Amino acid sequence: MSFYVYILRCVDYSYYVGHTDDLESRLAQHRAGEVSGYTQGRRPVRLVFSEEFPTRQEALAAERQLKGWSRAKKEAMIMGNWDRVRLLARSREKTD
């Protein structure tokens, strides 16, 4: 069984990060407003990133990591701009 971490862009251009073992079903639930909480009032939502993991623990760890990232870093990753992701990671290290 595979597990996924995913990022949704909401109608207000905010991002939601989650994980699941059934990506298509979970997306349908978000889109239908069946997931109470953050995305329910921010529909429609659009999948902008997903990554597959072999275990739930790895997907959950990735979700927690992404939730800690800045908006700029998430957007760089969504666009596949790994140089910018690294630059933003270094910038944060200098301010910590």
N, C-alpha and C. Protein backbone atom coordinates (compact mmCIF):
# COMPACT_ATOMS: atom_id res chain seq x y z
N MET A 1 0.85 -1.19 0.00
CA MET A 1 0.00 0.00 0.00
C MET A 1 0.89 1.24 0.00
N SER A 2 0.49 2.23 -0.75
CA SER A 2 1.21 3.51 -0.82
C SER A 2 0.48 4.57 0.00
N PHE A 3 1.24 5.56 0.40
CA PHE A 3 0.70 6.70 1.13
C PHE A 3 1.20 7.96 0.42
N TYR A 4 0.43 9.03 0.56
CA TYR A 4 0.73 10.26 -0.18
C TYR A 4 0.69 11.47 0.75
N VAL A 5 1.61 12.39 0.50
CA VAL A 5 1.49 13.73 1.07
C VAL A 5 1.03 14.60 -0.10
N TYR A 6 0.17 15.56 0.19
CA TYR A 6 -0.36 16.38 -0.90
C TYR A 6 -0.53 17.82 -0.44
N ILE A 7 -0.53 18.72 -1.41
CA ILE A 7 -0.80 20.13 -1.16
C ILE A 7 -1.94 20.55 -2.07
N LEU A 8 -2.94 21.19 -1.47
CA LEU A 8 -4.06 21.75 -2.21
C LEU A 8 -3.95 23.27 -2.20
N ARG A 9 -4.28 23.89 -3.31
CA ARG A 9 -4.43 25.35 -3.33
C ARG A 9 -5.92 25.63 -3.26
N CYS A 10 -6.27 26.42 -2.27
CA CYS A 10 -7.68 26.75 -2.03
C CYS A 10 -8.08 27.97 -2.86
N VAL A 11 -9.37 28.23 -2.91
CA VAL A 11 -9.90 29.35 -3.70
C VAL A 11 -9.32 30.69 -3.24
N ASP A 12 -8.95 30.81 -1.96
CA ASP A 12 -8.37 32.05 -1.45
C ASP A 12 -6.84 32.08 -1.61
N TYR A 13 -6.30 31.14 -2.38
CA TYR A 13 -4.87 31.01 -2.68
C TYR A 13 -4.03 30.59 -1.48
N SER A 14 -4.68 30.13 -0.43
CA SER A 14 -3.93 29.54 0.68
C SER A 14 -3.65 28.08 0.32
N TYR A 15 -2.75 27.47 1.09
CA TYR A 15 -2.38 26.09 0.85
C TYR A 15 -2.79 25.21 2.03
N TYR A 16 -3.17 23.99 1.70
CA TYR A 16 -3.50 22.99 2.71
C TYR A 16 -2.62 21.78 2.44
N VAL A 17 -1.97 21.28 3.48
CA VAL A 17 -1.10 20.11 3.38
C VAL A 17 -1.74 18.96 4.15
N GLY A 18 -1.79 17.79 3.54
CA GLY A 18 -2.34 16.62 4.20
C GLY A 18 -1.67 15.34 3.73
N HIS A 19 -2.08 14.21 4.30
CA HIS A 19 -1.60 12.92 3.83
C HIS A 19 -2.76 11.93 3.83
N THR A 20 -2.62 10.91 3.00
CA THR A 20 -3.69 9.93 2.83
C THR A 20 -3.14 8.65 2.22
N ASP A 21 -3.94 7.59 2.29
CA ASP A 21 -3.59 6.35 1.59
C ASP A 21 -4.39 6.18 0.30
N ASP A 22 -5.31 7.09 0.02
CA ASP A 22 -6.12 7.04 -1.20
C ASP A 22 -6.30 8.47 -1.72
N LEU A 23 -5.37 8.89 -2.54
CA LEU A 23 -5.32 10.28 -2.97
C LEU A 23 -6.57 10.70 -3.74
N GLU A 24 -7.01 9.90 -4.69
CA GLU A 24 -8.17 10.28 -5.50
C GLU A 24 -9.43 10.42 -4.65
N SER A 25 -9.64 9.50 -3.74
CA SER A 25 -10.81 9.55 -2.88
C SER A 25 -10.74 10.77 -1.95
N ARG A 26 -9.56 11.03 -1.41
CA ARG A 26 -9.41 12.18 -0.50
C ARG A 26 -9.64 13.49 -1.24
N LEU A 27 -9.14 13.60 -2.46
CA LEU A 27 -9.38 14.81 -3.26
C LEU A 27 -10.87 15.00 -3.51
N ALA A 28 -11.56 13.92 -3.84
CA ALA A 28 -13.00 14.01 -4.07
C ALA A 28 -13.72 14.48 -2.80
N GLN A 29 -13.28 13.99 -1.65
CA GLN A 29 -13.89 14.42 -0.39
C GLN A 29 -13.65 15.91 -0.14
N HIS A 30 -12.43 16.38 -0.37
CA HIS A 30 -12.13 17.81 -0.21
C HIS A 30 -12.99 18.63 -1.16
N ARG A 31 -13.06 18.21 -2.41
CA ARG A 31 -13.80 18.97 -3.42
C ARG A 31 -15.29 19.02 -3.13
N ALA A 32 -15.81 17.97 -2.50
CA ALA A 32 -17.24 17.91 -2.17
C ALA A 32 -17.56 18.59 -0.84
N GLY A 33 -16.55 19.04 -0.14
CA GLY A 33 -16.77 19.68 1.16
C GLY A 33 -17.05 18.69 2.27
N GLU A 34 -16.66 17.44 2.07
CA GLU A 34 -16.91 16.40 3.05
C GLU A 34 -15.84 16.32 4.14
N VAL A 35 -14.75 17.06 3.97
CA VAL A 35 -13.68 17.10 4.97
C VAL A 35 -13.91 18.35 5.80
N SER A 36 -14.33 18.16 7.04
CA SER A 36 -14.59 19.34 7.87
C SER A 36 -13.26 20.00 8.22
N GLY A 37 -13.31 21.30 8.40
CA GLY A 37 -12.10 22.02 8.77
C GLY A 37 -11.68 23.02 7.70
N TYR A 38 -10.39 23.12 7.53
CA TYR A 38 -9.78 24.20 6.75
C TYR A 38 -10.32 24.33 5.32
N THR A 39 -10.36 23.25 4.59
CA THR A 39 -10.73 23.36 3.17
C THR A 39 -12.22 23.46 2.93
N GLN A 40 -13.03 23.10 3.90
CA GLN A 40 -14.48 23.05 3.70
C GLN A 40 -15.04 24.39 3.23
N GLY A 41 -14.57 25.47 3.80
CA GLY A 41 -15.06 26.79 3.41
C GLY A 41 -14.18 27.51 2.41
N ARG A 42 -13.21 26.81 1.86
CA ARG A 42 -12.27 27.43 0.92
C ARG A 42 -12.26 26.71 -0.42
N ARG A 43 -13.41 26.19 -0.82
CA ARG A 43 -13.51 25.47 -2.08
C ARG A 43 -13.86 26.44 -3.20
N PRO A 44 -13.51 26.10 -4.42
CA PRO A 44 -12.91 24.85 -4.84
C PRO A 44 -11.41 24.78 -4.49
N VAL A 45 -10.92 23.56 -4.40
CA VAL A 45 -9.51 23.32 -4.15
C VAL A 45 -8.90 22.63 -5.37
N ARG A 46 -7.59 22.81 -5.52
CA ARG A 46 -6.89 22.20 -6.66
C ARG A 46 -5.63 21.54 -6.16
N LEU A 47 -5.39 20.31 -6.57
CA LEU A 47 -4.16 19.61 -6.21
C LEU A 47 -2.99 20.26 -6.95
N VAL A 48 -1.97 20.70 -6.20
CA VAL A 48 -0.81 21.32 -6.83
C VAL A 48 0.47 20.54 -6.60
N PHE A 49 0.42 19.57 -5.67
CA PHE A 49 1.62 18.76 -5.41
C PHE A 49 1.19 17.48 -4.71
N SER A 50 1.85 16.38 -5.06
CA SER A 50 1.71 15.13 -4.31
C SER A 50 2.99 14.33 -4.46
N GLU A 51 3.26 13.55 -3.44
CA GLU A 51 4.42 12.65 -3.47
C GLU A 51 4.02 11.35 -2.78
N GLU A 52 4.47 10.26 -3.34
CA GLU A 52 4.13 8.93 -2.83
C GLU A 52 5.22 8.44 -1.87
N PHE A 53 4.80 7.74 -0.81
CA PHE A 53 5.70 7.18 0.18
C PHE A 53 5.30 5.73 0.47
N PRO A 54 6.26 4.90 0.85
CA PRO A 54 5.93 3.50 1.12
C PRO A 54 5.23 3.25 2.46
N THR A 55 5.37 4.19 3.40
CA THR A 55 4.74 4.00 4.71
C THR A 55 3.99 5.25 5.16
N ARG A 56 2.99 5.05 6.01
CA ARG A 56 2.24 6.17 6.56
C ARG A 56 3.16 7.08 7.38
N GLN A 57 4.10 6.49 8.11
CA GLN A 57 5.00 7.27 8.94
C GLN A 57 5.83 8.24 8.10
N GLU A 58 6.30 7.80 6.94
CA GLU A 58 7.07 8.68 6.06
C GLU A 58 6.19 9.80 5.49
N ALA A 59 4.98 9.46 5.10
CA ALA A 59 4.06 10.48 4.56
C ALA A 59 3.72 11.50 5.64
N LEU A 60 3.46 11.04 6.86
CA LEU A 60 3.14 11.94 7.96
C LEU A 60 4.33 12.82 8.30
N ALA A 61 5.53 12.27 8.28
CA ALA A 61 6.73 13.08 8.54
C ALA A 61 6.90 14.16 7.47
N ALA A 62 6.64 13.81 6.21
CA ALA A 62 6.72 14.79 5.13
C ALA A 62 5.66 15.87 5.29
N GLU A 63 4.44 15.46 5.69
CA GLU A 63 3.37 16.44 5.92
C GLU A 63 3.79 17.43 7.00
N ARG A 64 4.29 16.92 8.10
CA ARG A 64 4.70 17.81 9.20
C ARG A 64 5.82 18.75 8.77
N GLN A 65 6.75 18.24 7.99
CA GLN A 65 7.84 19.08 7.49
C GLN A 65 7.30 20.20 6.60
N LEU A 66 6.43 19.84 5.65
CA LEU A 66 5.88 20.84 4.73
C LEU A 66 5.04 21.89 5.45
N LYS A 67 4.31 21.47 6.47
CA LYS A 67 3.50 22.43 7.22
C LYS A 67 4.36 23.49 7.90
N GLY A 68 5.62 23.16 8.16
CA GLY A 68 6.53 24.11 8.78
C GLY A 68 7.22 25.04 7.79
N TRP A 69 7.05 24.78 6.52
CA TRP A 69 7.70 25.59 5.50
C TRP A 69 6.95 26.89 5.27
N SER A 70 7.69 27.90 4.84
CA SER A 70 7.08 29.18 4.45
C SER A 70 6.29 29.00 3.16
N ARG A 71 5.43 29.95 2.90
CA ARG A 71 4.67 29.95 1.65
C ARG A 71 5.62 29.97 0.44
N ALA A 72 6.65 30.80 0.52
CA ALA A 72 7.60 30.92 -0.59
C ALA A 72 8.29 29.59 -0.86
N LYS A 73 8.67 28.89 0.18
CA LYS A 73 9.36 27.61 0.01
C LYS A 73 8.41 26.56 -0.57
N LYS A 74 7.16 26.54 -0.10
CA LYS A 74 6.17 25.61 -0.67
C LYS A 74 5.97 25.90 -2.16
N GLU A 75 5.86 27.17 -2.52
CA GLU A 75 5.64 27.53 -3.92
C GLU A 75 6.83 27.16 -4.79
N ALA A 76 8.03 27.32 -4.26
CA ALA A 76 9.23 26.93 -5.01
C ALA A 76 9.21 25.42 -5.26
N MET A 77 8.84 24.64 -4.25
CA MET A 77 8.77 23.19 -4.41
C MET A 77 7.68 22.80 -5.41
N ILE A 78 6.51 23.43 -5.30
CA ILE A 78 5.41 23.15 -6.23
C ILE A 78 5.85 23.38 -7.67
N MET A 79 6.65 24.42 -7.88
CA MET A 79 7.13 24.73 -9.23
C MET A 79 8.36 23.89 -9.62
N GLY A 80 8.86 23.10 -8.70
CA GLY A 80 10.02 22.27 -8.99
C GLY A 80 11.32 23.05 -9.00
N ASN A 81 11.33 24.22 -8.37
CA ASN A 81 12.52 25.07 -8.33
C ASN A 81 13.35 24.71 -7.09
N TRP A 82 14.11 23.61 -7.18
CA TRP A 82 14.84 23.09 -6.03
C TRP A 82 15.98 23.99 -5.61
N ASP A 83 16.54 24.78 -6.55
CA ASP A 83 17.58 25.76 -6.16
C ASP A 83 16.99 26.78 -5.21
N ARG A 84 15.79 27.25 -5.51
CA ARG A 84 15.14 28.24 -4.63
C ARG A 84 14.76 27.61 -3.30
N VAL A 85 14.31 26.37 -3.31
CA VAL A 85 13.99 25.67 -2.05
C VAL A 85 15.24 25.65 -1.17
N ARG A 86 16.39 25.29 -1.75
CA ARG A 86 17.64 25.25 -0.98
C ARG A 86 18.03 26.63 -0.49
N LEU A 87 17.87 27.63 -1.33
CA LEU A 87 18.19 29.01 -0.94
C LEU A 87 17.31 29.45 0.23
N LEU A 88 16.04 29.18 0.15
CA LEU A 88 15.12 29.56 1.22
C LEU A 88 15.41 28.78 2.51
N ALA A 89 15.84 27.55 2.39
CA ALA A 89 16.21 26.76 3.57
C ALA A 89 17.43 27.38 4.24
N ARG A 90 18.40 27.78 3.45
CA ARG A 90 19.61 28.42 4.01
C ARG A 90 19.27 29.76 4.63
N SER A 91 18.38 30.52 4.00
CA SER A 91 17.99 31.82 4.55
C SER A 91 17.35 31.66 5.91
N ARG A 92 16.54 30.65 6.07
CA ARG A 92 15.88 30.41 7.36
C ARG A 92 16.90 29.98 8.42
N GLU A 93 17.87 29.17 8.03
CA GLU A 93 18.90 28.73 8.98
C GLU A 93 19.66 29.93 9.55
N LYS A 94 19.90 30.93 8.73
CA LYS A 94 20.64 32.12 9.17
C LYS A 94 19.82 32.95 10.16
N THR A 95 18.48 32.90 10.05
CA THR A 95 17.65 33.72 10.95
C THR A 95 17.28 32.98 12.23
N ASP A 96 17.49 31.66 12.27
CA ASP A 96 17.15 30.89 13.49
C ASP A 96 18.17 31.07 14.58
